[in-house]
Amino acid sequence: MCAENLNIRNLVKNWKVSKSIHDAGWGMFHLFLAYKCELNGGQMVKVKLHFTTQDCSDCGKRVKKSLSVRTHVCPDCGLVLDRDHNAALNIEKAGLVQIGLIPAI
Protein backbone atom coordinates (compact mmCIF):
# COMPACT_ATOMS: atom_id res chain seq x y z
CA MET A 1 0.00 0.00 0.00
CA CYS A 2 1.42 3.36 -1.01
CA ALA A 3 0.21 6.70 0.34
CA GLU A 4 1.43 10.27 0.44
CA ASN A 5 3.38 11.15 3.55
CA LEU A 6 1.07 13.98 4.58
CA ASN A 7 2.14 16.45 7.23
CA ILE A 8 -1.32 17.02 8.67
CA ARG A 9 -0.13 19.66 11.16
CA ASN A 10 1.01 21.87 8.28
CA LEU A 11 -2.13 21.20 6.24
CA VAL A 12 -4.49 22.36 8.97
CA LYS A 13 -2.71 25.72 9.19
CA ASN A 14 -4.66 26.67 6.07
CA TRP A 15 -7.95 27.89 7.54
CA LYS A 16 -9.79 27.24 4.26
CA VAL A 17 -9.35 23.46 4.47
CA SER A 18 -8.55 22.77 8.12
CA LYS A 19 -12.11 21.88 9.15
CA SER A 20 -12.47 19.48 6.21
CA ILE A 21 -9.16 17.82 7.02
CA HIS A 22 -10.10 17.37 10.67
CA ASP A 23 -13.59 16.15 9.75
CA ALA A 24 -12.17 13.56 7.37
CA GLY A 25 -9.82 12.21 10.06
CA TRP A 26 -6.81 11.82 7.76
CA GLY A 27 -4.42 11.00 10.60
CA MET A 28 -6.65 8.21 11.92
CA PHE A 29 -7.22 6.94 8.38
CA HIS A 30 -3.44 6.56 7.89
CA LEU A 31 -3.18 4.70 11.20
CA PHE A 32 -5.95 2.31 10.15
CA LEU A 33 -4.30 1.72 6.76
CA ALA A 34 -0.95 0.92 8.37
CA TYR A 35 -2.64 -1.41 10.86
CA LYS A 36 -4.57 -3.29 8.15
CA CYS A 37 -1.48 -3.61 5.95
CA GLU A 38 0.53 -5.05 8.83
CA LEU A 39 -2.30 -7.35 9.89
CA ASN A 40 -2.49 -8.83 6.40
CA GLY A 41 1.26 -9.25 5.91
CA GLY A 42 1.65 -6.14 3.78
CA GLN A 43 3.53 -2.93 4.18
CA MET A 44 2.47 0.70 4.00
CA VAL A 45 4.93 2.88 2.15
CA LYS A 46 4.81 6.63 2.72
CA VAL A 47 5.86 8.56 -0.36
CA LYS A 48 7.08 12.17 -0.56
CA LEU A 49 4.26 14.25 -1.93
CA HIS A 50 6.27 16.54 -4.20
CA PHE A 51 4.60 17.16 -7.59
CA THR A 52 2.46 13.98 -7.60
CA THR A 53 -0.42 15.79 -9.32
CA GLN A 54 1.77 17.75 -11.72
CA ASP A 55 4.15 15.08 -13.03
CA CYS A 56 2.75 13.03 -15.91
CA SER A 57 2.38 9.42 -14.80
CA ASP A 58 3.13 8.25 -18.35
CA CYS A 59 6.14 10.28 -19.54
CA GLY A 60 7.24 12.13 -16.38
CA LYS A 61 6.93 15.66 -17.80
CA ARG A 62 5.92 18.28 -15.22
CA VAL A 63 2.67 19.95 -16.23
CA LYS A 64 2.03 22.96 -13.97
CA LYS A 65 -1.61 23.53 -13.04
CA SER A 66 -3.59 25.35 -10.38
CA LEU A 67 -5.65 23.47 -7.78
CA SER A 68 -8.84 24.36 -9.64
CA VAL A 69 -7.74 22.35 -12.71
CA ARG A 70 -9.10 18.83 -12.14
CA THR A 71 -7.85 17.15 -15.34
CA HIS A 72 -4.25 16.25 -16.16
CA VAL A 73 -3.50 16.85 -19.85
CA CYS A 74 0.09 16.16 -20.93
CA PRO A 75 1.22 18.20 -23.95
CA ASP A 76 4.12 15.78 -24.61
CA CYS A 77 2.55 12.32 -24.62
CA GLY A 78 -1.13 13.28 -24.86
CA LEU A 79 -2.21 11.49 -21.66
CA VAL A 80 -5.55 12.75 -20.31
CA LEU A 81 -6.56 11.65 -16.81
CA ASP A 82 -8.36 12.96 -13.78
CA ARG A 83 -5.83 14.87 -11.69
CA ASP A 84 -6.27 12.53 -8.70
CA HIS A 85 -5.93 9.39 -10.84
CA ASN A 86 -2.67 10.74 -12.27
CA ALA A 87 -1.42 11.47 -8.73
CA ALA A 88 -2.39 7.97 -7.55
CA LEU A 89 -0.37 6.38 -10.36
CA ASN A 90 2.64 8.56 -9.46
CA ILE A 91 2.32 7.67 -5.76
CA GLU A 92 2.13 3.96 -6.55
CA LYS A 93 5.16 4.15 -8.85
CA ALA A 94 7.20 6.10 -6.26
CA GLY A 95 6.28 3.60 -3.55
CA LEU A 96 7.32 0.64 -5.67
CA VAL A 97 10.63 2.34 -6.43
CA GLN A 98 11.11 3.10 -2.72
CA ILE A 99 10.81 -0.57 -1.73
CA GLY A 100 12.85 -1.75 -4.71
CA LEU A 101 10.17 -3.55 -6.73
CA ILE A 102 10.77 -1.41 -9.82
CA PRO A 103 13.98 0.40 -10.79
CA ALA A 104 14.25 4.18 -10.40
CA ILE A 105 14.26 6.11 -13.64
PDB file of N, CA and C in Angstrom:
ATOM      1  N   MET A   1       0.846  -1.172   0.000  1.00  0.00           N
ATOM      2  CA  MET A   1       0.000   0.000   0.000  1.00  0.00           C
ATOM      3  C   MET A   1       0.886   1.228   0.000  1.00  0.00           C
ATOM      4  N   CYS A   2       0.653   2.126  -0.914  1.00  0.00           N
ATOM      5  CA  CYS A   2       1.420   3.362  -1.014  1.00  0.00           C
ATOM      6  C   CYS A   2       0.504   4.554  -0.752  1.00  0.00           C
ATOM      7  N   ALA A   3       0.982   5.498   0.040  1.00  0.00           N
ATOM      8  CA  ALA A   3       0.209   6.705   0.345  1.00  0.00           C
ATOM      9  C   ALA A   3       1.157   7.879   0.478  1.00  0.00           C
ATOM     10  N   GLU A   4       0.631   9.075   0.257  1.00  0.00           N
ATOM     11  CA  GLU A   4       1.435  10.272   0.445  1.00  0.00           C
ATOM     12  C   GLU A   4       1.759  10.458   1.921  1.00  0.00           C
ATOM     13  N   ASN A   5       2.959  10.879   2.182  1.00  0.00           N
ATOM     14  CA  ASN A   5       3.379  11.154   3.550  1.00  0.00           C
ATOM     15  C   ASN A   5       2.927  12.566   3.919  1.00  0.00           C
ATOM     16  N   LEU A   6       1.668  12.673   4.298  1.00  0.00           N
ATOM     17  CA  LEU A   6       1.071  13.978   4.575  1.00  0.00           C
ATOM     18  C   LEU A   6       1.504  14.507   5.932  1.00  0.00           C
ATOM     19  N   ASN A   7       1.858  15.777   5.973  1.00  0.00           N
ATOM     20  CA  ASN A   7       2.135  16.450   7.229  1.00  0.00           C
ATOM     21  C   ASN A   7       0.851  17.181   7.618  1.00  0.00           C
ATOM     22  N   ILE A   8       0.012  16.511   8.363  1.00  0.00           N
ATOM     23  CA  ILE A   8      -1.323  17.019   8.672  1.00  0.00           C
ATOM     24  C   ILE A   8      -1.258  18.308   9.487  1.00  0.00           C
ATOM     25  N   ARG A   9      -0.268  18.429  10.354  1.00  0.00           N
ATOM     26  CA  ARG A   9      -0.130  19.665  11.155  1.00  0.00           C
ATOM     27  C   ARG A   9       0.031  20.883  10.260  1.00  0.00           C
ATOM     28  N   ASN A  10       0.820  20.741   9.204  1.00  0.00           N
ATOM     29  CA  ASN A  10       1.008  21.867   8.283  1.00  0.00           C
ATOM     30  C   ASN A  10      -0.241  22.112   7.444  1.00  0.00           C
ATOM     31  N   LEU A  11      -0.932  21.045   7.072  1.00  0.00           N
ATOM     32  CA  LEU A  11      -2.126  21.196   6.242  1.00  0.00           C
ATOM     33  C   LEU A  11      -3.233  21.958   6.966  1.00  0.00           C
ATOM     34  N   VAL A  12      -3.390  21.714   8.245  1.00  0.00           N
ATOM     35  CA  VAL A  12      -4.486  22.359   8.975  1.00  0.00           C
ATOM     36  C   VAL A  12      -4.194  23.823   9.315  1.00  0.00           C
ATOM     37  N   LYS A  13      -3.000  24.299   9.005  1.00  0.00           N
ATOM     38  CA  LYS A  13      -2.707  25.720   9.190  1.00  0.00           C
ATOM     39  C   LYS A  13      -3.461  26.575   8.174  1.00  0.00           C
ATOM     40  N   ASN A  14      -3.868  25.965   7.077  1.00  0.00           N
ATOM     41  CA  ASN A  14      -4.658  26.668   6.073  1.00  0.00           C
ATOM     42  C   ASN A  14      -6.111  26.666   6.529  1.00  0.00           C
ATOM     43  N   TRP A  15      -6.610  27.814   6.955  1.00  0.00           N
ATOM     44  CA  TRP A  15      -7.947  27.894   7.542  1.00  0.00           C
ATOM     45  C   TRP A  15      -9.046  27.504   6.571  1.00  0.00           C
ATOM     46  N   LYS A  16      -8.766  27.571   5.258  1.00  0.00           N
ATOM     47  CA  LYS A  16      -9.793  27.244   4.257  1.00  0.00           C
ATOM     48  C   LYS A  16     -10.109  25.752   4.228  1.00  0.00           C
ATOM     49  N   VAL A  17      -9.139  24.912   4.564  1.00  0.00           N
ATOM     50  CA  VAL A  17      -9.351  23.461   4.471  1.00  0.00           C
ATOM     51  C   VAL A  17      -9.205  22.734   5.800  1.00  0.00           C
ATOM     52  N   SER A  18      -8.844  23.451   6.857  1.00  0.00           N
ATOM     53  CA  SER A  18      -8.547  22.770   8.123  1.00  0.00           C
ATOM     54  C   SER A  18      -9.747  22.007   8.683  1.00  0.00           C
ATOM     55  N   LYS A  19     -10.929  22.570   8.625  1.00  0.00           N
ATOM     56  CA  LYS A  19     -12.106  21.879   9.150  1.00  0.00           C
ATOM     57  C   LYS A  19     -12.377  20.597   8.358  1.00  0.00           C
ATOM     58  N   SER A  20     -12.249  20.669   7.046  1.00  0.00           N
ATOM     59  CA  SER A  20     -12.469  19.484   6.208  1.00  0.00           C
ATOM     60  C   SER A  20     -11.453  18.394   6.515  1.00  0.00           C
ATOM     61  N   ILE A  21     -10.214  18.792   6.722  1.00  0.00           N
ATOM     62  CA  ILE A  21      -9.158  17.816   7.025  1.00  0.00           C
ATOM     63  C   ILE A  21      -9.430  17.148   8.370  1.00  0.00           C
ATOM     64  N   HIS A  22      -9.788  17.943   9.362  1.00  0.00           N
ATOM     65  CA  HIS A  22     -10.099  17.369  10.671  1.00  0.00           C
ATOM     66  C   HIS A  22     -11.340  16.486  10.606  1.00  0.00           C
ATOM     67  N   ASP A  23     -12.362  16.931   9.882  1.00  0.00           N
ATOM     68  CA  ASP A  23     -13.590  16.148   9.754  1.00  0.00           C
ATOM     69  C   ASP A  23     -13.337  14.809   9.081  1.00  0.00           C
ATOM     70  N   ALA A  24     -12.458  14.796   8.104  1.00  0.00           N
ATOM     71  CA  ALA A  24     -12.175  13.564   7.372  1.00  0.00           C
ATOM     72  C   ALA A  24     -11.331  12.596   8.203  1.00  0.00           C
ATOM     73  N   GLY A  25     -10.625  13.078   9.201  1.00  0.00           N
ATOM     74  CA  GLY A  25      -9.823  12.210  10.059  1.00  0.00           C
ATOM     75  C   GLY A  25      -8.653  11.566   9.323  1.00  0.00           C
ATOM     76  N   TRP A  26      -7.899  12.360   8.565  1.00  0.00           N
ATOM     77  CA  TRP A  26      -6.808  11.817   7.759  1.00  0.00           C
ATOM     78  C   TRP A  26      -5.766  11.081   8.585  1.00  0.00           C
ATOM     79  N   GLY A  27      -5.427  11.646   9.749  1.00  0.00           N
ATOM     80  CA  GLY A  27      -4.425  10.997  10.600  1.00  0.00           C
ATOM     81  C   GLY A  27      -4.878   9.618  11.047  1.00  0.00           C
ATOM     82  N   MET A  28      -6.110   9.505  11.483  1.00  0.00           N
ATOM     83  CA  MET A  28      -6.655   8.210  11.919  1.00  0.00           C
ATOM     84  C   MET A  28      -6.752   7.241  10.739  1.00  0.00           C
ATOM     85  N   PHE A  29      -7.126   7.771   9.580  1.00  0.00           N
ATOM     86  CA  PHE A  29      -7.215   6.936   8.383  1.00  0.00           C
ATOM     87  C   PHE A  29      -5.861   6.310   8.053  1.00  0.00           C
ATOM     88  N   HIS A  30      -4.792   7.094   8.146  1.00  0.00           N
ATOM     89  CA  HIS A  30      -3.444   6.559   7.888  1.00  0.00           C
ATOM     90  C   HIS A  30      -3.070   5.495   8.914  1.00  0.00           C
ATOM     91  N   LEU A  31      -3.448   5.711  10.166  1.00  0.00           N
ATOM     92  CA  LEU A  31      -3.175   4.703  11.198  1.00  0.00           C
ATOM     93  C   LEU A  31      -3.919   3.397  10.904  1.00  0.00           C
ATOM     94  N   PHE A  32      -5.177   3.503  10.493  1.00  0.00           N
ATOM     95  CA  PHE A  32      -5.952   2.313  10.145  1.00  0.00           C
ATOM     96  C   PHE A  32      -5.343   1.580   8.953  1.00  0.00           C
ATOM     97  N   LEU A  33      -4.922   2.334   7.935  1.00  0.00           N
ATOM     98  CA  LEU A  33      -4.301   1.716   6.762  1.00  0.00           C
ATOM     99  C   LEU A  33      -3.038   0.949   7.143  1.00  0.00           C
ATOM    100  N   ALA A  34      -2.190   1.579   7.942  1.00  0.00           N
ATOM    101  CA  ALA A  34      -0.948   0.921   8.368  1.00  0.00           C
ATOM    102  C   ALA A  34      -1.256  -0.335   9.170  1.00  0.00           C
ATOM    103  N   TYR A  35      -2.240  -0.255  10.046  1.00  0.00           N
ATOM    104  CA  TYR A  35      -2.636  -1.410  10.855  1.00  0.00           C
ATOM    105  C   TYR A  35      -3.128  -2.550   9.969  1.00  0.00           C
ATOM    106  N   LYS A  36      -4.011  -2.258   9.032  1.00  0.00           N
ATOM    107  CA  LYS A  36      -4.568  -3.290   8.155  1.00  0.00           C
ATOM    108  C   LYS A  36      -3.491  -3.901   7.260  1.00  0.00           C
ATOM    109  N   CYS A  37      -2.579  -3.088   6.772  1.00  0.00           N
ATOM    110  CA  CYS A  37      -1.483  -3.606   5.955  1.00  0.00           C
ATOM    111  C   CYS A  37      -0.643  -4.595   6.757  1.00  0.00           C
ATOM    112  N   GLU A  38      -0.279  -4.193   7.969  1.00  0.00           N
ATOM    113  CA  GLU A  38       0.535  -5.045   8.831  1.00  0.00           C
ATOM    114  C   GLU A  38      -0.207  -6.329   9.207  1.00  0.00           C
ATOM    115  N   LEU A  39      -1.477  -6.204   9.508  1.00  0.00           N
ATOM    116  CA  LEU A  39      -2.303  -7.346   9.892  1.00  0.00           C
ATOM    117  C   LEU A  39      -2.380  -8.394   8.783  1.00  0.00           C
ATOM    118  N   ASN A  40      -2.367  -7.933   7.547  1.00  0.00           N
ATOM    119  CA  ASN A  40      -2.492  -8.830   6.396  1.00  0.00           C
ATOM    120  C   ASN A  40      -1.157  -9.147   5.730  1.00  0.00           C
ATOM    121  N   GLY A  41      -0.063  -8.895   6.430  1.00  0.00           N
ATOM    122  CA  GLY A  41       1.260  -9.250   5.909  1.00  0.00           C
ATOM    123  C   GLY A  41       1.799  -8.290   4.868  1.00  0.00           C
ATOM    124  N   GLY A  42       1.200  -7.124   4.755  1.00  0.00           N
ATOM    125  CA  GLY A  42       1.651  -6.136   3.784  1.00  0.00           C
ATOM    126  C   GLY A  42       2.484  -5.063   4.443  1.00  0.00           C
ATOM    127  N   GLN A  43       2.701  -4.031   3.697  1.00  0.00           N
ATOM    128  CA  GLN A  43       3.527  -2.934   4.183  1.00  0.00           C
ATOM    129  C   GLN A  43       2.952  -1.635   3.628  1.00  0.00           C
ATOM    130  N   MET A  44       2.916  -0.614   4.463  1.00  0.00           N
ATOM    131  CA  MET A  44       2.473   0.699   4.000  1.00  0.00           C
ATOM    132  C   MET A  44       3.705   1.545   3.743  1.00  0.00           C
ATOM    133  N   VAL A  45       3.797   2.056   2.544  1.00  0.00           N
ATOM    134  CA  VAL A  45       4.929   2.877   2.146  1.00  0.00           C
ATOM    135  C   VAL A  45       4.458   4.320   2.047  1.00  0.00           C
ATOM    136  N   LYS A  46       5.137   5.204   2.774  1.00  0.00           N
ATOM    137  CA  LYS A  46       4.807   6.631   2.718  1.00  0.00           C
ATOM    138  C   LYS A  46       5.737   7.305   1.721  1.00  0.00           C
ATOM    139  N   VAL A  47       5.139   7.962   0.762  1.00  0.00           N
ATOM    140  CA  VAL A  47       5.863   8.565  -0.357  1.00  0.00           C
ATOM    141  C   VAL A  47       5.883  10.076  -0.199  1.00  0.00           C
ATOM    142  N   LYS A  48       7.008  10.705  -0.562  1.00  0.00           N
ATOM    143  CA  LYS A  48       7.078  12.168  -0.560  1.00  0.00           C
ATOM    144  C   LYS A  48       6.027  12.700  -1.527  1.00  0.00           C
ATOM    145  N   LEU A  49       5.373  13.771  -1.135  1.00  0.00           N
ATOM    146  CA  LEU A  49       4.260  14.249  -1.932  1.00  0.00           C
ATOM    147  C   LEU A  49       4.621  15.343  -2.926  1.00  0.00           C
ATOM    148  N   HIS A  50       5.858  15.484  -3.287  1.00  0.00           N
ATOM    149  CA  HIS A  50       6.267  16.544  -4.198  1.00  0.00           C
ATOM    150  C   HIS A  50       5.824  16.260  -5.628  1.00  0.00           C
ATOM    151  N   PHE A  51       5.003  17.139  -6.182  1.00  0.00           N
ATOM    152  CA  PHE A  51       4.600  17.157  -7.591  1.00  0.00           C
ATOM    153  C   PHE A  51       3.846  15.912  -8.061  1.00  0.00           C
ATOM    154  N   THR A  52       3.171  15.195  -7.179  1.00  0.00           N
ATOM    155  CA  THR A  52       2.463  13.983  -7.601  1.00  0.00           C
ATOM    156  C   THR A  52       1.315  14.291  -8.550  1.00  0.00           C
ATOM    157  N   THR A  53       0.684  15.462  -8.411  1.00  0.00           N
ATOM    158  CA  THR A  53      -0.416  15.795  -9.319  1.00  0.00           C
ATOM    159  C   THR A  53       0.071  16.474 -10.585  1.00  0.00           C
ATOM    160  N   GLN A  54       1.277  17.016 -10.557  1.00  0.00           N
ATOM    161  CA  GLN A  54       1.765  17.754 -11.716  1.00  0.00           C
ATOM    162  C   GLN A  54       2.614  16.916 -12.662  1.00  0.00           C
ATOM    163  N   ASP A  55       3.326  15.919 -12.160  1.00  0.00           N
ATOM    164  CA  ASP A  55       4.150  15.082 -13.026  1.00  0.00           C
ATOM    165  C   ASP A  55       3.269  14.101 -13.787  1.00  0.00           C
ATOM    166  N   CYS A  56       3.524  13.959 -15.078  1.00  0.00           N
ATOM    167  CA  CYS A  56       2.753  13.028 -15.906  1.00  0.00           C
ATOM    168  C   CYS A  56       3.115  11.599 -15.507  1.00  0.00           C
ATOM    169  N   SER A  57       2.129  10.794 -15.225  1.00  0.00           N
ATOM    170  CA  SER A  57       2.379   9.416 -14.801  1.00  0.00           C
ATOM    171  C   SER A  57       2.840   8.538 -15.960  1.00  0.00           C
ATOM    172  N   ASP A  58       2.709   9.025 -17.183  1.00  0.00           N
ATOM    173  CA  ASP A  58       3.130   8.253 -18.355  1.00  0.00           C
ATOM    174  C   ASP A  58       4.551   8.601 -18.788  1.00  0.00           C
ATOM    175  N   CYS A  59       4.821   9.891 -19.011  1.00  0.00           N
ATOM    176  CA  CYS A  59       6.138  10.276 -19.544  1.00  0.00           C
ATOM    177  C   CYS A  59       7.017  11.005 -18.535  1.00  0.00           C
ATOM    178  N   GLY A  60       6.448  11.468 -17.409  1.00  0.00           N
ATOM    179  CA  GLY A  60       7.236  12.132 -16.377  1.00  0.00           C
ATOM    180  C   GLY A  60       7.357  13.632 -16.518  1.00  0.00           C
ATOM    181  N   LYS A  61       6.838  14.204 -17.595  1.00  0.00           N
ATOM    182  CA  LYS A  61       6.927  15.656 -17.797  1.00  0.00           C
ATOM    183  C   LYS A  61       6.107  16.377 -16.734  1.00  0.00           C
ATOM    184  N   ARG A  62       6.647  17.480 -16.212  1.00  0.00           N
ATOM    185  CA  ARG A  62       5.924  18.277 -15.218  1.00  0.00           C
ATOM    186  C   ARG A  62       4.983  19.231 -15.937  1.00  0.00           C
ATOM    187  N   VAL A  63       3.703  19.108 -15.629  1.00  0.00           N
ATOM    188  CA  VAL A  63       2.667  19.948 -16.228  1.00  0.00           C
ATOM    189  C   VAL A  63       2.073  20.799 -15.109  1.00  0.00           C
ATOM    190  N   LYS A  64       2.495  22.063 -15.031  1.00  0.00           N
ATOM    191  CA  LYS A  64       2.027  22.962 -13.970  1.00  0.00           C
ATOM    192  C   LYS A  64       0.539  23.230 -14.145  1.00  0.00           C
ATOM    193  N   LYS A  65      -0.179  23.222 -13.013  1.00  0.00           N
ATOM    194  CA  LYS A  65      -1.610  23.532 -13.036  1.00  0.00           C
ATOM    195  C   LYS A  65      -2.028  24.041 -11.676  1.00  0.00           C
ATOM    196  N   SER A  66      -3.074  24.847 -11.653  1.00  0.00           N
ATOM    197  CA  SER A  66      -3.593  25.348 -10.379  1.00  0.00           C
ATOM    198  C   SER A  66      -4.480  24.270  -9.755  1.00  0.00           C
ATOM    199  N   LEU A  67      -4.810  24.451  -8.478  1.00  0.00           N
ATOM    200  CA  LEU A  67      -5.646  23.474  -7.782  1.00  0.00           C
ATOM    201  C   LEU A  67      -7.036  23.359  -8.389  1.00  0.00           C
ATOM    202  N   SER A  68      -7.493  24.397  -9.059  1.00  0.00           N
ATOM    203  CA  SER A  68      -8.837  24.356  -9.640  1.00  0.00           C
ATOM    204  C   SER A  68      -8.905  23.490 -10.899  1.00  0.00           C
ATOM    205  N   VAL A  69      -7.769  23.201 -11.511  1.00  0.00           N
ATOM    206  CA  VAL A  69      -7.737  22.354 -12.710  1.00  0.00           C
ATOM    207  C   VAL A  69      -7.797  20.897 -12.272  1.00  0.00           C
ATOM    208  N   ARG A  70      -8.862  20.195 -12.624  1.00  0.00           N
ATOM    209  CA  ARG A  70      -9.100  18.834 -12.144  1.00  0.00           C
ATOM    210  C   ARG A  70      -8.695  17.745 -13.146  1.00  0.00           C
ATOM    211  N   THR A  71      -8.240  18.130 -14.322  1.00  0.00           N
ATOM    212  CA  THR A  71      -7.852  17.150 -15.339  1.00  0.00           C
ATOM    213  C   THR A  71      -6.386  17.337 -15.699  1.00  0.00           C
ATOM    214  N   HIS A  72      -5.659  16.226 -15.738  1.00  0.00           N
ATOM    215  CA  HIS A  72      -4.254  16.254 -16.158  1.00  0.00           C
ATOM    216  C   HIS A  72      -4.224  16.020 -17.670  1.00  0.00           C
ATOM    217  N   VAL A  73      -3.656  16.969 -18.404  1.00  0.00           N
ATOM    218  CA  VAL A  73      -3.502  16.847 -19.852  1.00  0.00           C
ATOM    219  C   VAL A  73      -2.030  17.090 -20.158  1.00  0.00           C
ATOM    220  N   CYS A  74      -1.339  16.046 -20.637  1.00  0.00           N
ATOM    221  CA  CYS A  74       0.089  16.165 -20.934  1.00  0.00           C
ATOM    222  C   CYS A  74       0.286  16.606 -22.377  1.00  0.00           C
ATOM    223  N   PRO A  75       0.977  17.729 -22.588  1.00  0.00           N
ATOM    224  CA  PRO A  75       1.221  18.195 -23.949  1.00  0.00           C
ATOM    225  C   PRO A  75       2.251  17.341 -24.696  1.00  0.00           C
ATOM    226  N   ASP A  76       3.083  16.589 -23.965  1.00  0.00           N
ATOM    227  CA  ASP A  76       4.120  15.775 -24.607  1.00  0.00           C
ATOM    228  C   ASP A  76       3.592  14.446 -25.118  1.00  0.00           C
ATOM    229  N   CYS A  77       2.975  13.666 -24.223  1.00  0.00           N
ATOM    230  CA  CYS A  77       2.551  12.320 -24.623  1.00  0.00           C
ATOM    231  C   CYS A  77       1.053  12.224 -24.906  1.00  0.00           C
ATOM    232  N   GLY A  78       0.293  13.271 -24.566  1.00  0.00           N
ATOM    233  CA  GLY A  78      -1.133  13.279 -24.855  1.00  0.00           C
ATOM    234  C   GLY A  78      -1.999  12.582 -23.817  1.00  0.00           C
ATOM    235  N   LEU A  79      -1.437  12.173 -22.696  1.00  0.00           N
ATOM    236  CA  LEU A  79      -2.212  11.494 -21.659  1.00  0.00           C
ATOM    237  C   LEU A  79      -3.240  12.450 -21.059  1.00  0.00           C
ATOM    238  N   VAL A  80      -4.480  11.973 -20.940  1.00  0.00           N
ATOM    239  CA  VAL A  80      -5.548  12.748 -20.313  1.00  0.00           C
ATOM    240  C   VAL A  80      -6.162  11.887 -19.217  1.00  0.00           C
ATOM    241  N   LEU A  81      -6.047  12.364 -17.976  1.00  0.00           N
ATOM    242  CA  LEU A  81      -6.565  11.646 -16.810  1.00  0.00           C
ATOM    243  C   LEU A  81      -7.120  12.645 -15.813  1.00  0.00           C
ATOM    244  N   ASP A  82      -7.970  12.163 -14.925  1.00  0.00           N
ATOM    245  CA  ASP A  82      -8.358  12.958 -13.784  1.00  0.00           C
ATOM    246  C   ASP A  82      -7.093  13.261 -12.977  1.00  0.00           C
ATOM    247  N   ARG A  83      -7.014  14.450 -12.440  1.00  0.00           N
ATOM    248  CA  ARG A  83      -5.825  14.872 -11.687  1.00  0.00           C
ATOM    249  C   ARG A  83      -5.485  13.895 -10.560  1.00  0.00           C
ATOM    250  N   ASP A  84      -6.505  13.435  -9.826  1.00  0.00           N
ATOM    251  CA  ASP A  84      -6.270  12.530  -8.704  1.00  0.00           C
ATOM    252  C   ASP A  84      -5.829  11.142  -9.157  1.00  0.00           C
ATOM    253  N   HIS A  85      -6.343  10.685 -10.290  1.00  0.00           N
ATOM    254  CA  HIS A  85      -5.927   9.392 -10.839  1.00  0.00           C
ATOM    255  C   HIS A  85      -4.457   9.456 -11.247  1.00  0.00           C
ATOM    256  N   ASN A  86      -4.066  10.547 -11.896  1.00  0.00           N
ATOM    257  CA  ASN A  86      -2.671  10.738 -12.274  1.00  0.00           C
ATOM    258  C   ASN A  86      -1.774  10.725 -11.032  1.00  0.00           C
ATOM    259  N   ALA A  87      -2.203  11.424  -9.978  1.00  0.00           N
ATOM    260  CA  ALA A  87      -1.419  11.468  -8.731  1.00  0.00           C
ATOM    261  C   ALA A  87      -1.310  10.081  -8.111  1.00  0.00           C
ATOM    262  N   ALA A  88      -2.407   9.317  -8.127  1.00  0.00           N
ATOM    263  CA  ALA A  88      -2.391   7.970  -7.549  1.00  0.00           C
ATOM    264  C   ALA A  88      -1.393   7.073  -8.277  1.00  0.00           C
ATOM    265  N   LEU A  89      -1.334   7.183  -9.591  1.00  0.00           N
ATOM    266  CA  LEU A  89      -0.370   6.385 -10.363  1.00  0.00           C
ATOM    267  C   LEU A  89       1.061   6.788 -10.010  1.00  0.00           C
ATOM    268  N   ASN A  90       1.301   8.088  -9.842  1.00  0.00           N
ATOM    269  CA  ASN A  90       2.638   8.560  -9.459  1.00  0.00           C
ATOM    270  C   ASN A  90       3.019   8.098  -8.057  1.00  0.00           C
ATOM    271  N   ILE A  91       2.065   8.113  -7.135  1.00  0.00           N
ATOM    272  CA  ILE A  91       2.321   7.670  -5.760  1.00  0.00           C
ATOM    273  C   ILE A  91       2.642   6.180  -5.744  1.00  0.00           C
ATOM    274  N   GLU A  92       1.870   5.395  -6.486  1.00  0.00           N
ATOM    275  CA  GLU A  92       2.129   3.955  -6.550  1.00  0.00           C
ATOM    276  C   GLU A  92       3.515   3.672  -7.129  1.00  0.00           C
ATOM    277  N   LYS A  93       3.853   4.350  -8.208  1.00  0.00           N
ATOM    278  CA  LYS A  93       5.158   4.153  -8.849  1.00  0.00           C
ATOM    279  C   LYS A  93       6.301   4.525  -7.898  1.00  0.00           C
ATOM    280  N   ALA A  94       6.165   5.662  -7.199  1.00  0.00           N
ATOM    281  CA  ALA A  94       7.200   6.102  -6.256  1.00  0.00           C
ATOM    282  C   ALA A  94       7.343   5.118  -5.103  1.00  0.00           C
ATOM    283  N   GLY A  95       6.237   4.576  -4.620  1.00  0.00           N
ATOM    284  CA  GLY A  95       6.283   3.605  -3.546  1.00  0.00           C
ATOM    285  C   GLY A  95       6.965   2.320  -3.958  1.00  0.00           C
ATOM    286  N   LEU A  96       6.680   1.859  -5.168  1.00  0.00           N
ATOM    287  CA  LEU A  96       7.317   0.642  -5.669  1.00  0.00           C
ATOM    288  C   LEU A  96       8.814   0.835  -5.879  1.00  0.00           C
ATOM    289  N   VAL A  97       9.199   2.034  -6.305  1.00  0.00           N
ATOM    290  CA  VAL A  97      10.630   2.343  -6.431  1.00  0.00           C
ATOM    291  C   VAL A  97      11.275   2.365  -5.047  1.00  0.00           C
ATOM    292  N   GLN A  98      10.576   2.968  -4.090  1.00  0.00           N
ATOM    293  CA  GLN A  98      11.106   3.100  -2.720  1.00  0.00           C
ATOM    294  C   GLN A  98      11.404   1.742  -2.077  1.00  0.00           C
ATOM    295  N   ILE A  99      10.567   0.738  -2.345  1.00  0.00           N
ATOM    296  CA  ILE A  99      10.809  -0.573  -1.734  1.00  0.00           C
ATOM    297  C   ILE A  99      11.573  -1.514  -2.655  1.00  0.00           C
ATOM    298  N   GLY A 100      11.978  -0.997  -3.825  1.00  0.00           N
ATOM    299  CA  GLY A 100      12.853  -1.748  -4.708  1.00  0.00           C
ATOM    300  C   GLY A 100      12.167  -2.749  -5.642  1.00  0.00           C
ATOM    301  N   LEU A 101      10.861  -2.628  -5.832  1.00  0.00           N
ATOM    302  CA  LEU A 101      10.169  -3.547  -6.726  1.00  0.00           C
ATOM    303  C   LEU A 101      10.276  -3.148  -8.191  1.00  0.00           C
ATOM    304  N   ILE A 102      10.495  -1.860  -8.450  1.00  0.00           N
ATOM    305  CA  ILE A 102      10.772  -1.414  -9.816  1.00  0.00           C
ATOM    306  C   ILE A 102      11.984  -0.483  -9.747  1.00  0.00           C
ATOM    307  N   PRO A 103      12.782  -0.441 -10.816  1.00  0.00           N
ATOM    308  CA  PRO A 103      13.976   0.399 -10.793  1.00  0.00           C
ATOM    309  C   PRO A 103      13.623   1.888 -10.909  1.00  0.00           C
ATOM    310  N   ALA A 104      14.437   2.724 -10.288  1.00  0.00           N
ATOM    311  CA  ALA A 104      14.252   4.180 -10.404  1.00  0.00           C
ATOM    312  C   ALA A 104      14.657   4.621 -11.795  1.00  0.00           C
ATOM    313  N   ILE A 105      13.961   5.613 -12.286  1.00  0.00           N
ATOM    314  CA  ILE A 105      14.263   6.111 -13.636  1.00  0.00           C
ATOM    315  C   ILE A 105      15.254   7.228 -13.565  1.00  0.00           C
TER     316      ILE A 105
END
